[in-house]
Each structure stands twice: as structure tokens, then as C-alpha cells.
Amino acid sequence: MSTTSFSPVTKIGRPGVSTPWRRRWQMLFRPNAPASWDTQWQLDMATHGLERRSLWDVLDDVKFGYLRPMIPGSGGSALEVGCGSARLLGRLAALGWKTTGIDFTQSALDLAQERFEADALDSTWARGDCYRLPFADGSYDLVASTGLLEHFEDPTPVVAEMLRVLRSGGLFYSDIVPRKFSLLRALDGLGNGAGSDMIYERAFSRREIEGLLSGFKGLHGVRVTPAGVFLPRKLFSKRISVLHRHEYGINRAFAALGSRLDGSWVAELLGFYYFVSAGKV
């Protein structure tokens, strides 16, 4: 494991959420924002640890099911920007890819490293700024982000950096969670009065994402696929013990059905995210 120090970003954009979540969002992006995000990842670790049978593991398996046919089975070099706990990166490393994860919070990187060590996997880790990636042009065969770009009022500079470090012939991949209704979050406001967990900067549409990528020369095969029709996560709260105990199995079974809706108008209406991919000339 190697780590490159780099100045973390401290502001992403203007909050665009309802009042309760606006206060939380503004708290995250005050001058000590990296420390605030560290707290979030520490809480995630304390709450979930390295569990492998959660709803989020099901979501990650669906993501990887989309990505897998587009990447070579023999491996390559992959960078995940804003890697968080690096769940997607771990799936690549298990296939023999040489992986690098970059995030601006140390707690996220610590969690990612712990996850890799538990699986006897190797990776390079860097603490850095996605506006100024500390890597040379054309360094990676695959540059990915998962649940990152929606947190930017204007993600254009971030995408530009991701494409800069992507080699010619490489693959750009991102899944974007827009600030919109989804079946997964449909019941989130019940019982707490806080409303849906919409701490997302952009209410991206499919057309907007296509427009974003059309501004970059040298891309081909741009695909924006609405996806992620899942059962409401509130159904699996501890208050409903029977469903909570079987959360993983139920969601995995439903995901097999929901994946058939990917790319359809139903996924556009009810889906949790968009899968975005493009090749670099």
C-alpha cells in the first residue's frame, strides 16, 4: 500500500436541498469539510463495518454486472476517483486489475484499505483532490467514479481530470445518483420528518448527462442508462424485523428482476442511478 498526500478539496458547490438537509450539507462543506467527511466515514465503519450482505452490496453487484462486459478479463490499470470504501475497486482487484483509489478523506481510505486487506487484495491509495488528480496524462485503462459527480454543481472540471488521466483506448465509467425520486428512497421520510435523503447537488436528467459528455472531444460510444429499480430501503429497517433479517436475500432476488428494467422508461422514472460509460479515442 502506498499513499500520496495531496491537498483535499474543501467546497463542492451550492446546496440545493430542503432545509433539514441543507444545514447538514452546509456543515459538510465548511472550511474543515474533510474532517466532517472523515466523521461520516467513521460513522459508516462503526455502523456497518466490513459487512458483505447489505443492500449496498447488492447495488454494487448490479453496477459491476453492467461494467464487467466492457472491460478486458485479463486485467489492466484502474483508478476510482472519490473511492470511498472502494467496493467497486475491490471487485476489479479480485479480477487481477492493478488498482488505485483516491479520496480526500483519510477515514474513507482507511476503510478501503481495511476492506482490501481482509480480502488479501493489494491497491495503491492516494489522498487527493479530484479537481487536480496527482497522476500523469494517460495513466489508466479504466477511470471510474461511483456516486461522485452528482455532488458537484458543475462536474465538468472533474470529468475533464478523469479523462485526462485515462489512456487512449481506455474506458470512462461513472454511476450518477441524481437528486430525484426513486423507488429505493420512496419511503425515506416516514417516521422521521426529515424527508428523503437527498444530499445531492444535481437533479441530473439523462439528456443533461449526455450533454455534459458531448462537450468533450475524443469520446465515442457514450451510453447513459437509467437503472437501479430497487425496493424501498425503509422496508428493511429494524422496525420490521422479519424483512430486516432477510434484507440481503430479498434485495438480491428483486435486483435480478429490477435489472431487466434497466434502460427502460420505468427505470427513468423509478431508478436510483444512471450508468454512464464512454471510450476515449
C-alpha atoms as a PDB file:
ATOM      1  CA  MET A   1       0.000   0.000   0.000  1.00  0.00           C
ATOM      2  CA  SER A   2       1.297   3.430  -0.926  1.00  0.00           C
ATOM      3  CA  THR A   3      -0.218   6.813  -0.176  1.00  0.00           C
ATOM      4  CA  THR A   4       0.282  10.128  -1.937  1.00  0.00           C
ATOM      5  CA  SER A   5      -0.523  13.259   0.060  1.00  0.00           C
ATOM      6  CA  PHE A   6      -2.440  15.973  -1.748  1.00  0.00           C
ATOM      7  CA  SER A   7      -4.497  18.985  -0.685  1.00  0.00           C
ATOM      8  CA  PRO A   8      -8.165  17.985  -0.313  1.00  0.00           C
ATOM      9  CA  VAL A   9     -10.974  19.945  -1.895  1.00  0.00           C
ATOM     10  CA  THR A  10     -12.993  21.968   0.625  1.00  0.00           C
ATOM     11  CA  LYS A  11     -16.038  23.096  -1.339  1.00  0.00           C
ATOM     12  CA  ILE A  12     -18.113  21.394  -3.977  1.00  0.00           C
ATOM     13  CA  GLY A  13     -21.000  23.657  -4.807  1.00  0.00           C
ATOM     14  CA  ARG A  14     -24.127  25.497  -3.774  1.00  0.00           C
ATOM     15  CA  PRO A  15     -26.504  23.327  -1.720  1.00  0.00           C
ATOM     16  CA  GLY A  16     -29.828  22.677  -3.393  1.00  0.00           C
ATOM     17  CA  VAL A  17     -31.724  20.658  -0.819  1.00  0.00           C
ATOM     18  CA  SER A  18     -34.580  21.099   1.651  1.00  0.00           C
ATOM     19  CA  THR A  19     -33.965  22.919   4.931  1.00  0.00           C
ATOM     20  CA  PRO A  20     -33.051  19.996   7.278  1.00  0.00           C
ATOM     21  CA  TRP A  21     -30.608  18.539   4.779  1.00  0.00           C
ATOM     22  CA  ARG A  22     -29.353  21.970   3.718  1.00  0.00           C
ATOM     23  CA  ARG A  23     -27.924  22.506   7.211  1.00  0.00           C
ATOM     24  CA  ARG A  24     -26.206  19.125   7.091  1.00  0.00           C
ATOM     25  CA  TRP A  25     -24.882  19.808   3.586  1.00  0.00           C
ATOM     26  CA  GLN A  26     -23.516  23.223   4.561  1.00  0.00           C
ATOM     27  CA  MET A  27     -21.878  21.664   7.595  1.00  0.00           C
ATOM     28  CA  LEU A  28     -20.064  19.202   5.365  1.00  0.00           C
ATOM     29  CA  PHE A  29     -18.640  21.916   3.135  1.00  0.00           C
ATOM     30  CA  ARG A  30     -17.456  24.441   5.692  1.00  0.00           C
ATOM     31  CA  PRO A  31     -13.667  25.098   5.814  1.00  0.00           C
ATOM     32  CA  ASN A  32     -12.963  21.869   7.728  1.00  0.00           C
ATOM     33  CA  ALA A  33     -15.052  19.803   5.312  1.00  0.00           C
ATOM     34  CA  PRO A  34     -12.511  16.945   5.064  1.00  0.00           C
ATOM     35  CA  ALA A  35     -12.799  16.475   8.827  1.00  0.00           C
ATOM     36  CA  SER A  36     -16.590  16.401   8.513  1.00  0.00           C
ATOM     37  CA  TRP A  37     -16.412  13.738   5.810  1.00  0.00           C
ATOM     38  CA  ASP A  38     -13.957  11.812   7.978  1.00  0.00           C
ATOM     39  CA  THR A  39     -16.639  11.770  10.656  1.00  0.00           C
ATOM     40  CA  GLN A  40     -19.160  10.409   8.159  1.00  0.00           C
ATOM     41  CA  TRP A  41     -16.855   7.543   7.174  1.00  0.00           C
ATOM     42  CA  GLN A  42     -16.015   6.784  10.805  1.00  0.00           C
ATOM     43  CA  LEU A  43     -19.733   6.511  11.495  1.00  0.00           C
ATOM     44  CA  ASP A  44     -20.157   4.242   8.479  1.00  0.00           C
ATOM     45  CA  MET A  45     -17.394   1.981   9.743  1.00  0.00           C
ATOM     46  CA  ALA A  46     -18.849   1.879  13.256  1.00  0.00           C
ATOM     47  CA  THR A  47     -22.334   1.122  11.930  1.00  0.00           C
ATOM     48  CA  HIS A  48     -21.630  -1.302   9.092  1.00  0.00           C
ATOM     49  CA  GLY A  49     -18.019  -2.422   9.484  1.00  0.00           C
ATOM     50  CA  LEU A  50     -16.986  -4.767   6.694  1.00  0.00           C
ATOM     51  CA  GLU A  51     -20.362  -6.448   6.287  1.00  0.00           C
ATOM     52  CA  ARG A  52     -20.815  -8.082   2.876  1.00  0.00           C
ATOM     53  CA  ARG A  53     -24.517  -8.883   2.851  1.00  0.00           C
ATOM     54  CA  SER A  54     -26.177  -5.482   2.811  1.00  0.00           C
ATOM     55  CA  LEU A  55     -28.395  -3.653   0.345  1.00  0.00           C
ATOM     56  CA  TRP A  56     -25.360  -1.656  -0.805  1.00  0.00           C
ATOM     57  CA  ASP A  57     -23.512  -4.837  -1.720  1.00  0.00           C
ATOM     58  CA  VAL A  58     -26.454  -5.775  -3.926  1.00  0.00           C
ATOM     59  CA  LEU A  59     -26.309  -2.350  -5.584  1.00  0.00           C
ATOM     60  CA  ASP A  60     -22.574  -2.732  -6.144  1.00  0.00           C
ATOM     61  CA  ASP A  61     -23.043  -6.167  -7.690  1.00  0.00           C
ATOM     62  CA  VAL A  62     -25.572  -4.677 -10.118  1.00  0.00           C
ATOM     63  CA  LYS A  63     -23.126  -1.893 -11.021  1.00  0.00           C
ATOM     64  CA  PHE A  64     -20.359  -4.381 -11.644  1.00  0.00           C
ATOM     65  CA  GLY A  65     -22.690  -6.532 -13.705  1.00  0.00           C
ATOM     66  CA  TYR A  66     -23.099  -3.551 -16.027  1.00  0.00           C
ATOM     67  CA  LEU A  67     -19.385  -2.740 -16.119  1.00  0.00           C
ATOM     68  CA  ARG A  68     -17.991  -6.279 -16.399  1.00  0.00           C
ATOM     69  CA  PRO A  69     -18.764  -6.946 -20.094  1.00  0.00           C
ATOM     70  CA  MET A  70     -16.998  -3.726 -21.122  1.00  0.00           C
ATOM     71  CA  ILE A  71     -13.625  -4.446 -19.512  1.00  0.00           C
ATOM     72  CA  PRO A  72     -10.964  -6.974 -20.508  1.00  0.00           C
ATOM     73  CA  GLY A  73     -10.885 -10.130 -18.453  1.00  0.00           C
ATOM     74  CA  SER A  74      -7.091 -10.098 -18.418  1.00  0.00           C
ATOM     75  CA  GLY A  75      -6.999  -7.010 -16.198  1.00  0.00           C
ATOM     76  CA  GLY A  76      -5.408  -3.604 -16.563  1.00  0.00           C
ATOM     77  CA  SER A  77      -4.925  -0.443 -14.527  1.00  0.00           C
ATOM     78  CA  ALA A  78      -7.919   1.193 -12.861  1.00  0.00           C
ATOM     79  CA  LEU A  79      -8.438   4.419 -10.936  1.00  0.00           C
ATOM     80  CA  GLU A  80     -11.520   5.123  -8.824  1.00  0.00           C
ATOM     81  CA  VAL A  81     -11.975   8.823  -8.095  1.00  0.00           C
ATOM     82  CA  GLY A  82     -13.744   9.595  -4.819  1.00  0.00           C
ATOM     83  CA  CYS A  83     -13.345   5.918  -3.992  1.00  0.00           C
ATOM     84  CA  GLY A  84     -14.880   5.955  -0.510  1.00  0.00           C
ATOM     85  CA  SER A  85     -14.760   2.393   0.799  1.00  0.00           C
ATOM     86  CA  ALA A  86     -13.721   1.202  -2.696  1.00  0.00           C
ATOM     87  CA  ARG A  87     -16.283  -1.555  -3.100  1.00  0.00           C
ATOM     88  CA  LEU A  88     -16.191  -1.402  -6.899  1.00  0.00           C
ATOM     89  CA  LEU A  89     -12.408  -1.208  -6.915  1.00  0.00           C
ATOM     90  CA  GLY A  90     -12.258  -4.366  -4.815  1.00  0.00           C
ATOM     91  CA  ARG A  91     -14.189  -6.288  -7.438  1.00  0.00           C
ATOM     92  CA  LEU A  92     -11.682  -5.160 -10.067  1.00  0.00           C
ATOM     93  CA  ALA A  93      -8.702  -6.075  -7.892  1.00  0.00           C
ATOM     94  CA  ALA A  94     -10.158  -9.548  -7.401  1.00  0.00           C
ATOM     95  CA  LEU A  95     -10.003  -9.978 -11.196  1.00  0.00           C
ATOM     96  CA  GLY A  96      -6.320  -9.096 -11.259  1.00  0.00           C
ATOM     97  CA  TRP A  97      -6.548  -5.395 -12.046  1.00  0.00           C
ATOM     98  CA  LYS A  98      -3.882  -3.038 -10.740  1.00  0.00           C
ATOM     99  CA  THR A  99      -5.987  -0.557  -8.799  1.00  0.00           C
ATOM    100  CA  THR A 100      -5.621   2.934  -7.366  1.00  0.00           C
ATOM    101  CA  GLY A 101      -8.178   4.684  -5.183  1.00  0.00           C
ATOM    102  CA  ILE A 102      -8.186   8.389  -4.423  1.00  0.00           C
ATOM    103  CA  ASP A 103     -10.353  10.202  -1.885  1.00  0.00           C
ATOM    104  CA  PHE A 104      -9.954  13.409   0.093  1.00  0.00           C
ATOM    105  CA  THR A 105     -10.816  11.842   3.455  1.00  0.00           C
ATOM    106  CA  GLN A 106      -8.407   9.675   5.378  1.00  0.00           C
ATOM    107  CA  SER A 107     -11.164   7.685   7.097  1.00  0.00           C
ATOM    108  CA  ALA A 108     -12.510   6.566   3.719  1.00  0.00           C
ATOM    109  CA  LEU A 109      -9.050   5.438   2.653  1.00  0.00           C
ATOM    110  CA  ASP A 110      -8.520   3.621   5.958  1.00  0.00           C
ATOM    111  CA  LEU A 111     -11.807   1.775   5.486  1.00  0.00           C
ATOM    112  CA  ALA A 112     -10.930   0.932   1.882  1.00  0.00           C
ATOM    113  CA  GLN A 113      -7.521  -0.390   2.880  1.00  0.00           C
ATOM    114  CA  GLU A 114      -9.029  -2.487   5.676  1.00  0.00           C
ATOM    115  CA  ARG A 115     -11.521  -3.958   3.233  1.00  0.00           C
ATOM    116  CA  PHE A 116      -8.740  -4.851   0.779  1.00  0.00           C
ATOM    117  CA  GLU A 117      -6.562  -6.385   3.486  1.00  0.00           C
ATOM    118  CA  ALA A 118      -9.477  -8.515   4.704  1.00  0.00           C
ATOM    119  CA  ASP A 119      -9.757  -9.900   1.165  1.00  0.00           C
ATOM    120  CA  ALA A 120      -5.977 -10.258   0.721  1.00  0.00           C
ATOM    121  CA  LEU A 121      -6.012  -7.715  -2.116  1.00  0.00           C
ATOM    122  CA  ASP A 122      -3.457  -5.034  -2.974  1.00  0.00           C
ATOM    123  CA  SER A 123      -4.030  -1.468  -4.107  1.00  0.00           C
ATOM    124  CA  THR A 124      -2.422   1.954  -4.175  1.00  0.00           C
ATOM    125  CA  TRP A 125      -4.180   4.690  -2.200  1.00  0.00           C
ATOM    126  CA  ALA A 126      -3.907   8.449  -2.560  1.00  0.00           C
ATOM    127  CA  ARG A 127      -5.426  11.248  -0.553  1.00  0.00           C
ATOM    128  CA  GLY A 128      -6.139  13.963  -3.069  1.00  0.00           C
ATOM    129  CA  ASP A 129      -8.289  16.446  -4.892  1.00  0.00           C
ATOM    130  CA  CYS A 130     -10.435  15.360  -7.838  1.00  0.00           C
ATOM    131  CA  TYR A 131     -10.014  18.810  -9.389  1.00  0.00           C
ATOM    132  CA  ARG A 132      -6.250  18.192  -9.608  1.00  0.00           C
ATOM    133  CA  LEU A 133      -5.566  14.479  -9.822  1.00  0.00           C
ATOM    134  CA  PRO A 134      -1.909  13.794  -8.967  1.00  0.00           C
ATOM    135  CA  PHE A 135      -1.390  11.402 -11.884  1.00  0.00           C
ATOM    136  CA  ALA A 136       0.180  11.745 -15.322  1.00  0.00           C
ATOM    137  CA  ASP A 137      -1.841  12.007 -18.517  1.00  0.00           C
ATOM    138  CA  GLY A 138      -2.992   8.662 -19.900  1.00  0.00           C
ATOM    139  CA  SER A 139      -2.103   6.647 -16.795  1.00  0.00           C
ATOM    140  CA  TYR A 140      -5.084   4.278 -16.581  1.00  0.00           C
ATOM    141  CA  ASP A 141      -7.050   1.822 -18.702  1.00  0.00           C
ATOM    142  CA  LEU A 142     -10.204   2.480 -16.681  1.00  0.00           C
ATOM    143  CA  VAL A 143     -11.143   5.613 -14.744  1.00  0.00           C
ATOM    144  CA  ALA A 144     -14.307   5.313 -12.681  1.00  0.00           C
ATOM    145  CA  SER A 145     -16.400   7.092 -10.096  1.00  0.00           C
ATOM    146  CA  THR A 146     -19.364   5.777  -8.140  1.00  0.00           C
ATOM    147  CA  GLY A 147     -21.811   8.202  -6.589  1.00  0.00           C
ATOM    148  CA  LEU A 148     -19.485  11.188  -7.019  1.00  0.00           C
ATOM    149  CA  LEU A 149     -20.450  13.518  -9.865  1.00  0.00           C
ATOM    150  CA  GLU A 150     -23.913  14.345  -8.526  1.00  0.00           C
ATOM    151  CA  HIS A 151     -22.278  16.168  -5.605  1.00  0.00           C
ATOM    152  CA  PHE A 152     -20.969  18.917  -7.892  1.00  0.00           C
ATOM    153  CA  GLU A 153     -22.929  21.888  -9.140  1.00  0.00           C
ATOM    154  CA  ASP A 154     -20.722  21.723 -12.238  1.00  0.00           C
ATOM    155  CA  PRO A 155     -18.879  18.392 -12.574  1.00  0.00           C
ATOM    156  CA  THR A 156     -17.212  19.393 -15.857  1.00  0.00           C
ATOM    157  CA  PRO A 157     -13.735  20.015 -14.330  1.00  0.00           C
ATOM    158  CA  VAL A 158     -13.876  16.681 -12.512  1.00  0.00           C
ATOM    159  CA  VAL A 159     -14.811  14.774 -15.666  1.00  0.00           C
ATOM    160  CA  ALA A 160     -12.045  16.626 -17.527  1.00  0.00           C
ATOM    161  CA  GLU A 161      -9.493  15.420 -14.979  1.00  0.00           C
ATOM    162  CA  MET A 162     -10.799  11.869 -15.147  1.00  0.00           C
ATOM    163  CA  LEU A 163     -10.476  11.900 -18.929  1.00  0.00           C
ATOM    164  CA  ARG A 164      -7.007  13.456 -18.767  1.00  0.00           C
ATOM    165  CA  VAL A 165      -5.592  10.519 -16.813  1.00  0.00           C
ATOM    166  CA  LEU A 166      -7.444   7.960 -18.968  1.00  0.00           C
ATOM    167  CA  ARG A 167      -5.303   6.445 -21.696  1.00  0.00           C
ATOM    168  CA  SER A 168      -6.288   6.392 -25.363  1.00  0.00           C
ATOM    169  CA  GLY A 169      -8.481   3.350 -25.898  1.00  0.00           C
ATOM    170  CA  GLY A 170      -9.488   3.315 -22.238  1.00  0.00           C
ATOM    171  CA  LEU A 171     -12.932   3.291 -20.622  1.00  0.00           C
ATOM    172  CA  PHE A 172     -14.636   6.052 -18.636  1.00  0.00           C
ATOM    173  CA  TYR A 173     -17.313   4.818 -16.219  1.00  0.00           C
ATOM    174  CA  SER A 174     -19.493   6.606 -13.696  1.00  0.00           C
ATOM    175  CA  ASP A 175     -22.702   5.874 -11.908  1.00  0.00           C
ATOM    176  CA  ILE A 176     -24.553   9.046 -11.038  1.00  0.00           C
ATOM    177  CA  VAL A 177     -27.208   9.296  -8.326  1.00  0.00           C
ATOM    178  CA  PRO A 178     -29.358  12.299  -9.278  1.00  0.00           C
ATOM    179  CA  ARG A 179     -31.461  14.371  -6.907  1.00  0.00           C
ATOM    180  CA  LYS A 180     -34.773  12.852  -7.995  1.00  0.00           C
ATOM    181  CA  PHE A 181     -37.472  10.478  -6.871  1.00  0.00           C
ATOM    182  CA  SER A 182     -36.564   6.795  -6.831  1.00  0.00           C
ATOM    183  CA  LEU A 183     -38.372   3.734  -5.567  1.00  0.00           C
ATOM    184  CA  LEU A 184     -35.387   2.941  -3.345  1.00  0.00           C
ATOM    185  CA  ARG A 185     -35.815   6.210  -1.406  1.00  0.00           C
ATOM    186  CA  ALA A 186     -39.599   6.436  -1.723  1.00  0.00           C
ATOM    187  CA  LEU A 187     -40.357   5.946   1.981  1.00  0.00           C
ATOM    188  CA  ASP A 188     -37.306   7.608   3.489  1.00  0.00           C
ATOM    189  CA  GLY A 189     -39.261  10.469   5.089  1.00  0.00           C
ATOM    190  CA  LEU A 190     -41.650   8.229   7.028  1.00  0.00           C
ATOM    191  CA  GLY A 191     -41.265   8.381  10.763  1.00  0.00           C
ATOM    192  CA  ASN A 192     -38.505  10.971  10.984  1.00  0.00           C
ATOM    193  CA  GLY A 193     -39.925  14.062   9.301  1.00  0.00           C
ATOM    194  CA  ALA A 194     -36.622  14.721   7.573  1.00  0.00           C
ATOM    195  CA  GLY A 195     -37.750  13.955   4.053  1.00  0.00           C
ATOM    196  CA  SER A 196     -35.805  11.946   1.548  1.00  0.00           C
ATOM    197  CA  ASP A 197     -32.075  11.652   1.942  1.00  0.00           C
ATOM    198  CA  MET A 198     -31.357  13.925  -0.999  1.00  0.00           C
ATOM    199  CA  ILE A 199     -27.933  15.286  -0.170  1.00  0.00           C
ATOM    200  CA  TYR A 200     -27.217  15.536  -3.868  1.00  0.00           C
ATOM    201  CA  GLU A 201     -26.271  18.718  -5.688  1.00  0.00           C
ATOM    202  CA  ARG A 202     -27.662  17.965  -9.135  1.00  0.00           C
ATOM    203  CA  ALA A 203     -31.016  16.669 -10.307  1.00  0.00           C
ATOM    204  CA  PHE A 204     -29.402  15.203 -13.426  1.00  0.00           C
ATOM    205  CA  SER A 205     -31.512  14.040 -16.323  1.00  0.00           C
ATOM    206  CA  ARG A 206     -30.367  11.602 -18.984  1.00  0.00           C
ATOM    207  CA  ARG A 207     -30.209  14.425 -21.526  1.00  0.00           C
ATOM    208  CA  GLU A 208     -28.096  16.603 -19.211  1.00  0.00           C
ATOM    209  CA  ILE A 209     -25.556  13.830 -18.701  1.00  0.00           C
ATOM    210  CA  GLU A 210     -25.352  13.239 -22.445  1.00  0.00           C
ATOM    211  CA  GLY A 211     -24.881  16.988 -22.896  1.00  0.00           C
ATOM    212  CA  LEU A 212     -22.108  17.025 -20.307  1.00  0.00           C
ATOM    213  CA  LEU A 213     -20.126  14.337 -22.121  1.00  0.00           C
ATOM    214  CA  SER A 214     -20.810  15.806 -25.555  1.00  0.00           C
ATOM    215  CA  GLY A 215     -18.678  18.761 -24.527  1.00  0.00           C
ATOM    216  CA  PHE A 216     -15.562  16.591 -24.561  1.00  0.00           C
ATOM    217  CA  LYS A 217     -13.817  15.760 -27.818  1.00  0.00           C
ATOM    218  CA  GLY A 218     -12.374  12.330 -28.353  1.00  0.00           C
ATOM    219  CA  LEU A 219     -15.121  10.264 -26.726  1.00  0.00           C
ATOM    220  CA  HIS A 220     -17.039   7.537 -28.514  1.00  0.00           C
ATOM    221  CA  GLY A 221     -19.759   5.076 -27.643  1.00  0.00           C
ATOM    222  CA  VAL A 222     -21.309   7.304 -24.984  1.00  0.00           C
ATOM    223  CA  ARG A 223     -24.012   5.406 -23.100  1.00  0.00           C
ATOM    224  CA  VAL A 224     -26.296   6.786 -20.386  1.00  0.00           C
ATOM    225  CA  THR A 225     -28.523   4.066 -18.959  1.00  0.00           C
ATOM    226  CA  PRO A 226     -31.213   4.711 -16.339  1.00  0.00           C
ATOM    227  CA  ALA A 227     -31.032   1.876 -13.821  1.00  0.00           C
ATOM    228  CA  GLY A 228     -31.475   0.835 -10.223  1.00  0.00           C
ATOM    229  CA  VAL A 229     -35.111  -0.078  -9.611  1.00  0.00           C
ATOM    230  CA  PHE A 230     -34.945  -1.462  -6.081  1.00  0.00           C
ATOM    231  CA  LEU A 231     -37.437  -1.967  -3.275  1.00  0.00           C
ATOM    232  CA  PRO A 232     -37.811   0.942  -0.807  1.00  0.00           C
ATOM    233  CA  ARG A 233     -34.952   0.626   1.661  1.00  0.00           C
ATOM    234  CA  LYS A 234     -37.222   1.769   4.502  1.00  0.00           C
ATOM    235  CA  LEU A 235     -38.967  -1.603   4.301  1.00  0.00           C
ATOM    236  CA  PHE A 236     -35.841  -3.193   5.752  1.00  0.00           C
ATOM    237  CA  SER A 237     -35.472  -1.023   8.845  1.00  0.00           C
ATOM    238  CA  LYS A 238     -35.019  -2.792  12.163  1.00  0.00           C
ATOM    239  CA  ARG A 239     -38.608  -1.887  12.996  1.00  0.00           C
ATOM    240  CA  ILE A 240     -39.732  -4.549  10.529  1.00  0.00           C
ATOM    241  CA  SER A 241     -37.632  -7.368  11.929  1.00  0.00           C
ATOM    242  CA  VAL A 242     -38.705 -10.128   9.533  1.00  0.00           C
ATOM    243  CA  LEU A 243     -37.751  -8.131   6.454  1.00  0.00           C
ATOM    244  CA  HIS A 244     -34.632  -6.743   8.130  1.00  0.00           C
ATOM    245  CA  ARG A 245     -33.295 -10.250   8.798  1.00  0.00           C
ATOM    246  CA  HIS A 246     -33.707 -11.193   5.145  1.00  0.00           C
ATOM    247  CA  GLU A 247     -32.700  -7.839   3.622  1.00  0.00           C
ATOM    248  CA  TYR A 248     -29.832  -9.203   1.549  1.00  0.00           C
ATOM    249  CA  GLY A 249     -31.672 -12.184   0.084  1.00  0.00           C
ATOM    250  CA  ILE A 250     -34.844 -10.277  -0.747  1.00  0.00           C
ATOM    251  CA  ASN A 251     -32.970  -7.423  -2.394  1.00  0.00           C
ATOM    252  CA  ARG A 252     -30.761  -9.786  -4.369  1.00  0.00           C
ATOM    253  CA  ALA A 253     -33.793 -11.631  -5.701  1.00  0.00           C
ATOM    254  CA  PHE A 254     -35.584  -8.391  -6.565  1.00  0.00           C
ATOM    255  CA  ALA A 255     -32.448  -6.954  -8.200  1.00  0.00           C
ATOM    256  CA  ALA A 256     -32.452  -9.837 -10.674  1.00  0.00           C
ATOM    257  CA  LEU A 257     -35.915  -8.712 -11.749  1.00  0.00           C
ATOM    258  CA  GLY A 258     -35.239  -4.984 -11.489  1.00  0.00           C
ATOM    259  CA  SER A 259     -32.157  -5.231 -13.705  1.00  0.00           C
ATOM    260  CA  ARG A 260     -34.404  -6.266 -16.587  1.00  0.00           C
ATOM    261  CA  LEU A 261     -35.878  -2.767 -16.420  1.00  0.00           C
ATOM    262  CA  ASP A 262     -32.520  -1.018 -16.856  1.00  0.00           C
ATOM    263  CA  GLY A 263     -32.649   1.336 -19.827  1.00  0.00           C
ATOM    264  CA  SER A 264     -36.448   1.493 -19.839  1.00  0.00           C
ATOM    265  CA  TRP A 265     -38.871   4.327 -19.093  1.00  0.00           C
ATOM    266  CA  VAL A 266     -39.655   2.574 -15.811  1.00  0.00           C
ATOM    267  CA  ALA A 267     -36.014   2.875 -14.762  1.00  0.00           C
ATOM    268  CA  GLU A 268     -36.035   6.510 -15.884  1.00  0.00           C
ATOM    269  CA  LEU A 269     -38.985   7.131 -13.578  1.00  0.00           C
ATOM    270  CA  LEU A 270     -38.161   4.897 -10.593  1.00  0.00           C
ATOM    271  CA  GLY A 271     -34.426   4.192 -10.867  1.00  0.00           C
ATOM    272  CA  PHE A 272     -31.828   5.181  -8.277  1.00  0.00           C
ATOM    273  CA  TYR A 273     -28.955   5.995 -10.630  1.00  0.00           C
ATOM    274  CA  TYR A 274     -27.641   6.271 -14.174  1.00  0.00           C
ATOM    275  CA  PHE A 275     -24.848   4.103 -15.543  1.00  0.00           C
ATOM    276  CA  VAL A 276     -22.569   6.222 -17.720  1.00  0.00           C
ATOM    277  CA  SER A 277     -19.787   4.910 -19.939  1.00  0.00           C
ATOM    278  CA  ALA A 278     -17.688   6.079 -22.875  1.00  0.00           C
ATOM    279  CA  GLY A 279     -14.498   5.125 -24.670  1.00  0.00           C
ATOM    280  CA  LYS A 280     -11.597   7.500 -25.269  1.00  0.00           C
ATOM    281  CA  VAL A 281     -10.198   7.746 -28.774  1.00  0.00           C
END
